Amino acid sequence: MNEVSPGAIRKSLRAYYAIPFKVLSVFVRIYMVNQAWLAALLARRGAAYSFKGIIVITVLVWFGIWLFANEEHRNSLNQALGSFWADIGK
């Protein structure tokens, strides 16, 4: 029978348990880079107004879709929006 050395077991366990921490560190690094990029973008003149404008236009478009939808689709939109806000409130 082939015996496995304790060093090999320790090395494989260390590699196995290190993977989640490596993935987490990648996600944290990406988050920090994106946070710095967004802060720099919003610090520029007019960028915050542009984001607010895009949000307002999006809301108006969805309101127009809801306004001109027939009753069946309007009820479906109301249910989807209600479940969306219920999930956020949890």
N, C-alpha and C. Protein backbone atom coordinates (compact mmCIF):
# COMPACT_ATOMS: atom_id res chain seq x y z
N MET A 1 0.82 -1.18 0.00
CA MET A 1 0.00 0.00 0.00
C MET A 1 0.86 1.25 0.00
N ASN A 2 0.41 2.24 -0.69
CA ASN A 2 1.13 3.51 -0.72
C ASN A 2 0.72 4.36 0.46
N GLU A 3 1.68 4.82 1.19
CA GLU A 3 1.39 5.70 2.31
C GLU A 3 1.61 7.14 1.88
N VAL A 4 0.74 8.00 2.39
CA VAL A 4 0.84 9.42 2.08
C VAL A 4 1.54 10.10 3.25
N SER A 5 2.49 10.89 2.93
CA SER A 5 3.26 11.55 4.00
C SER A 5 2.42 12.65 4.65
N PRO A 6 2.64 12.90 5.92
CA PRO A 6 1.91 13.97 6.61
C PRO A 6 2.14 15.34 5.99
N GLY A 7 3.32 15.54 5.44
CA GLY A 7 3.60 16.82 4.78
C GLY A 7 2.72 17.03 3.55
N ALA A 8 2.48 15.96 2.80
CA ALA A 8 1.63 16.06 1.61
C ALA A 8 0.19 16.34 2.00
N ILE A 9 -0.26 15.71 3.08
CA ILE A 9 -1.63 15.94 3.54
C ILE A 9 -1.77 17.39 4.01
N ARG A 10 -0.82 17.85 4.77
CA ARG A 10 -0.86 19.22 5.27
C ARG A 10 -0.86 20.22 4.12
N LYS A 11 -0.04 19.96 3.11
CA LYS A 11 0.05 20.86 1.96
C LYS A 11 -1.27 20.88 1.18
N SER A 12 -1.87 19.71 0.98
CA SER A 12 -3.13 19.68 0.23
C SER A 12 -4.27 20.32 1.02
N LEU A 13 -4.30 20.10 2.34
CA LEU A 13 -5.34 20.75 3.16
C LEU A 13 -5.17 22.26 3.17
N ARG A 14 -3.93 22.71 3.27
CA ARG A 14 -3.67 24.15 3.26
C ARG A 14 -4.13 24.76 1.93
N ALA A 15 -3.85 24.09 0.82
CA ALA A 15 -4.27 24.59 -0.48
C ALA A 15 -5.79 24.56 -0.59
N TYR A 16 -6.43 23.52 -0.07
CA TYR A 16 -7.88 23.39 -0.15
C TYR A 16 -8.58 24.48 0.65
N TYR A 17 -8.12 24.73 1.86
CA TYR A 17 -8.77 25.73 2.71
C TYR A 17 -8.37 27.15 2.37
N ALA A 18 -7.32 27.34 1.61
CA ALA A 18 -6.89 28.69 1.25
C ALA A 18 -7.70 29.26 0.09
N ILE A 19 -8.34 28.42 -0.70
CA ILE A 19 -9.07 28.88 -1.89
C ILE A 19 -10.15 29.90 -1.54
N PRO A 20 -11.04 29.64 -0.56
CA PRO A 20 -12.06 30.65 -0.26
C PRO A 20 -11.48 31.99 0.16
N PHE A 21 -10.38 31.98 0.89
CA PHE A 21 -9.77 33.23 1.31
C PHE A 21 -9.14 33.99 0.14
N LYS A 22 -8.59 33.24 -0.80
CA LYS A 22 -8.04 33.88 -2.00
C LYS A 22 -9.15 34.51 -2.83
N VAL A 23 -10.27 33.80 -2.97
CA VAL A 23 -11.41 34.34 -3.72
C VAL A 23 -11.95 35.58 -3.02
N LEU A 24 -12.08 35.52 -1.71
CA LEU A 24 -12.56 36.67 -0.94
C LEU A 24 -11.63 37.86 -1.10
N SER A 25 -10.34 37.63 -1.10
CA SER A 25 -9.41 38.75 -1.26
C SER A 25 -9.53 39.37 -2.65
N VAL A 26 -9.80 38.56 -3.67
CA VAL A 26 -10.01 39.11 -5.02
C VAL A 26 -11.25 39.98 -5.03
N PHE A 27 -12.35 39.51 -4.42
CA PHE A 27 -13.58 40.30 -4.39
C PHE A 27 -13.38 41.61 -3.62
N VAL A 28 -12.67 41.56 -2.52
CA VAL A 28 -12.42 42.78 -1.73
C VAL A 28 -11.59 43.75 -2.54
N ARG A 29 -10.58 43.25 -3.23
CA ARG A 29 -9.74 44.12 -4.07
C ARG A 29 -10.56 44.77 -5.18
N ILE A 30 -11.42 44.00 -5.84
CA ILE A 30 -12.27 44.55 -6.90
C ILE A 30 -13.20 45.61 -6.32
N TYR A 31 -13.80 45.33 -5.15
CA TYR A 31 -14.69 46.28 -4.51
C TYR A 31 -13.96 47.59 -4.20
N MET A 32 -12.75 47.48 -3.67
CA MET A 32 -12.01 48.69 -3.31
C MET A 32 -11.64 49.50 -4.54
N VAL A 33 -11.26 48.84 -5.62
CA VAL A 33 -10.92 49.55 -6.85
C VAL A 33 -12.16 50.23 -7.42
N ASN A 34 -13.29 49.52 -7.43
CA ASN A 34 -14.52 50.11 -7.96
C ASN A 34 -15.01 51.26 -7.08
N GLN A 35 -14.84 51.14 -5.77
CA GLN A 35 -15.26 52.20 -4.87
C GLN A 35 -14.42 53.45 -5.11
N ALA A 36 -13.13 53.27 -5.28
CA ALA A 36 -12.25 54.41 -5.55
C ALA A 36 -12.58 55.03 -6.91
N TRP A 37 -12.86 54.19 -7.90
CA TRP A 37 -13.21 54.70 -9.23
C TRP A 37 -14.50 55.49 -9.19
N LEU A 38 -15.52 54.97 -8.47
CA LEU A 38 -16.79 55.67 -8.39
C LEU A 38 -16.66 56.98 -7.62
N ALA A 39 -15.87 56.99 -6.55
CA ALA A 39 -15.66 58.23 -5.80
C ALA A 39 -14.97 59.27 -6.67
N ALA A 40 -14.00 58.85 -7.46
CA ALA A 40 -13.31 59.79 -8.36
C ALA A 40 -14.25 60.28 -9.45
N LEU A 41 -15.11 59.40 -9.94
CA LEU A 41 -16.05 59.78 -10.98
C LEU A 41 -17.08 60.77 -10.46
N LEU A 42 -17.61 60.51 -9.27
CA LEU A 42 -18.62 61.40 -8.71
C LEU A 42 -18.03 62.73 -8.25
N ALA A 43 -16.73 62.78 -8.03
CA ALA A 43 -16.09 64.03 -7.64
C ALA A 43 -15.97 64.98 -8.82
N ARG A 44 -16.03 64.43 -10.03
CA ARG A 44 -15.94 65.30 -11.21
C ARG A 44 -17.20 66.13 -11.34
N ARG A 45 -17.04 67.29 -11.90
CA ARG A 45 -18.15 68.22 -12.05
C ARG A 45 -19.20 67.66 -13.03
N GLY A 46 -20.43 67.60 -12.59
CA GLY A 46 -21.53 67.19 -13.45
C GLY A 46 -21.81 65.70 -13.47
N ALA A 47 -20.95 64.88 -12.91
CA ALA A 47 -21.17 63.44 -12.95
C ALA A 47 -22.34 63.03 -12.07
N ALA A 48 -22.45 63.62 -10.89
CA ALA A 48 -23.56 63.29 -10.00
C ALA A 48 -24.89 63.70 -10.64
N TYR A 49 -24.91 64.86 -11.29
CA TYR A 49 -26.13 65.30 -11.98
C TYR A 49 -26.49 64.34 -13.11
N SER A 50 -25.49 63.82 -13.79
CA SER A 50 -25.75 62.88 -14.88
C SER A 50 -26.37 61.59 -14.34
N PHE A 51 -25.82 61.08 -13.23
CA PHE A 51 -26.39 59.87 -12.64
C PHE A 51 -27.82 60.11 -12.18
N LYS A 52 -28.07 61.25 -11.53
CA LYS A 52 -29.43 61.56 -11.10
C LYS A 52 -30.36 61.68 -12.30
N GLY A 53 -29.89 62.30 -13.37
CA GLY A 53 -30.70 62.43 -14.58
C GLY A 53 -31.04 61.09 -15.19
N ILE A 54 -30.06 60.18 -15.22
CA ILE A 54 -30.30 58.84 -15.76
C ILE A 54 -31.33 58.10 -14.91
N ILE A 55 -31.24 58.25 -13.60
CA ILE A 55 -32.19 57.59 -12.71
C ILE A 55 -33.59 58.15 -12.92
N VAL A 56 -33.72 59.47 -13.02
CA VAL A 56 -35.04 60.09 -13.22
C VAL A 56 -35.63 59.67 -14.56
N ILE A 57 -34.83 59.63 -15.60
CA ILE A 57 -35.33 59.21 -16.91
C ILE A 57 -35.78 57.76 -16.87
N THR A 58 -35.03 56.91 -16.20
CA THR A 58 -35.41 55.50 -16.08
C THR A 58 -36.74 55.35 -15.35
N VAL A 59 -36.92 56.10 -14.27
CA VAL A 59 -38.18 56.04 -13.52
C VAL A 59 -39.33 56.53 -14.39
N LEU A 60 -39.12 57.59 -15.13
CA LEU A 60 -40.18 58.11 -15.99
C LEU A 60 -40.54 57.12 -17.09
N VAL A 61 -39.54 56.45 -17.65
CA VAL A 61 -39.82 55.45 -18.69
C VAL A 61 -40.65 54.30 -18.11
N TRP A 62 -40.26 53.81 -16.92
CA TRP A 62 -41.03 52.73 -16.31
C TRP A 62 -42.44 53.19 -15.94
N PHE A 63 -42.59 54.44 -15.51
CA PHE A 63 -43.93 54.97 -15.22
C PHE A 63 -44.75 55.03 -16.50
N GLY A 64 -44.14 55.43 -17.60
CA GLY A 64 -44.85 55.44 -18.88
C GLY A 64 -45.26 54.05 -19.32
N ILE A 65 -44.38 53.08 -19.12
CA ILE A 65 -44.73 51.69 -19.46
C ILE A 65 -45.92 51.25 -18.62
N TRP A 66 -45.89 51.55 -17.33
CA TRP A 66 -46.99 51.16 -16.44
C TRP A 66 -48.28 51.88 -16.83
N LEU A 67 -48.17 53.15 -17.20
CA LEU A 67 -49.35 53.96 -17.52
C LEU A 67 -50.05 53.46 -18.78
N PHE A 68 -49.27 53.04 -19.78
CA PHE A 68 -49.86 52.64 -21.06
C PHE A 68 -50.07 51.12 -21.19
N ALA A 69 -49.76 50.37 -20.15
CA ALA A 69 -49.96 48.91 -20.18
C ALA A 69 -51.44 48.61 -19.95
N ASN A 70 -51.89 47.48 -20.51
CA ASN A 70 -53.27 47.10 -20.25
C ASN A 70 -53.41 46.59 -18.81
N GLU A 71 -54.63 46.35 -18.37
CA GLU A 71 -54.88 46.05 -16.96
C GLU A 71 -54.17 44.79 -16.49
N GLU A 72 -54.10 43.76 -17.33
CA GLU A 72 -53.45 42.51 -16.94
C GLU A 72 -51.95 42.71 -16.70
N HIS A 73 -51.31 43.42 -17.63
CA HIS A 73 -49.88 43.68 -17.48
C HIS A 73 -49.59 44.67 -16.35
N ARG A 74 -50.51 45.60 -16.14
CA ARG A 74 -50.33 46.56 -15.05
C ARG A 74 -50.36 45.85 -13.70
N ASN A 75 -51.28 44.89 -13.55
CA ASN A 75 -51.32 44.12 -12.31
C ASN A 75 -50.04 43.32 -12.11
N SER A 76 -49.52 42.75 -13.21
CA SER A 76 -48.27 42.00 -13.14
C SER A 76 -47.11 42.90 -12.72
N LEU A 77 -47.06 44.11 -13.27
CA LEU A 77 -46.02 45.07 -12.89
C LEU A 77 -46.16 45.47 -11.42
N ASN A 78 -47.40 45.67 -10.96
CA ASN A 78 -47.62 46.03 -9.56
C ASN A 78 -47.17 44.91 -8.63
N GLN A 79 -47.44 43.67 -8.99
CA GLN A 79 -47.02 42.54 -8.16
C GLN A 79 -45.49 42.42 -8.13
N ALA A 80 -44.86 42.60 -9.28
CA ALA A 80 -43.40 42.52 -9.34
C ALA A 80 -42.77 43.63 -8.50
N LEU A 81 -43.31 44.83 -8.60
CA LEU A 81 -42.77 45.94 -7.82
C LEU A 81 -43.01 45.71 -6.32
N GLY A 82 -44.18 45.18 -5.97
CA GLY A 82 -44.46 44.89 -4.56
C GLY A 82 -43.53 43.85 -3.99
N SER A 83 -43.24 42.79 -4.76
CA SER A 83 -42.32 41.77 -4.27
C SER A 83 -40.89 42.31 -4.20
N PHE A 84 -40.54 43.20 -5.13
CA PHE A 84 -39.21 43.82 -5.10
C PHE A 84 -39.02 44.62 -3.82
N TRP A 85 -40.00 45.46 -3.47
CA TRP A 85 -39.88 46.28 -2.27
C TRP A 85 -39.98 45.42 -1.02
N ALA A 86 -40.74 44.32 -1.07
CA ALA A 86 -40.82 43.44 0.09
C ALA A 86 -39.48 42.76 0.33
N ASP A 87 -38.78 42.39 -0.74
CA ASP A 87 -37.46 41.75 -0.60
C ASP A 87 -36.43 42.74 -0.06
N ILE A 88 -36.55 44.01 -0.46
CA ILE A 88 -35.60 45.01 0.01
C ILE A 88 -35.82 45.29 1.49
N GLY A 89 -37.07 45.25 1.93
CA GLY A 89 -37.39 45.57 3.32
C GLY A 89 -36.99 44.51 4.31
N LYS A 90 -36.60 43.34 3.84
CA LYS A 90 -36.25 42.24 4.76
C LYS A 90 -34.92 42.45 5.40
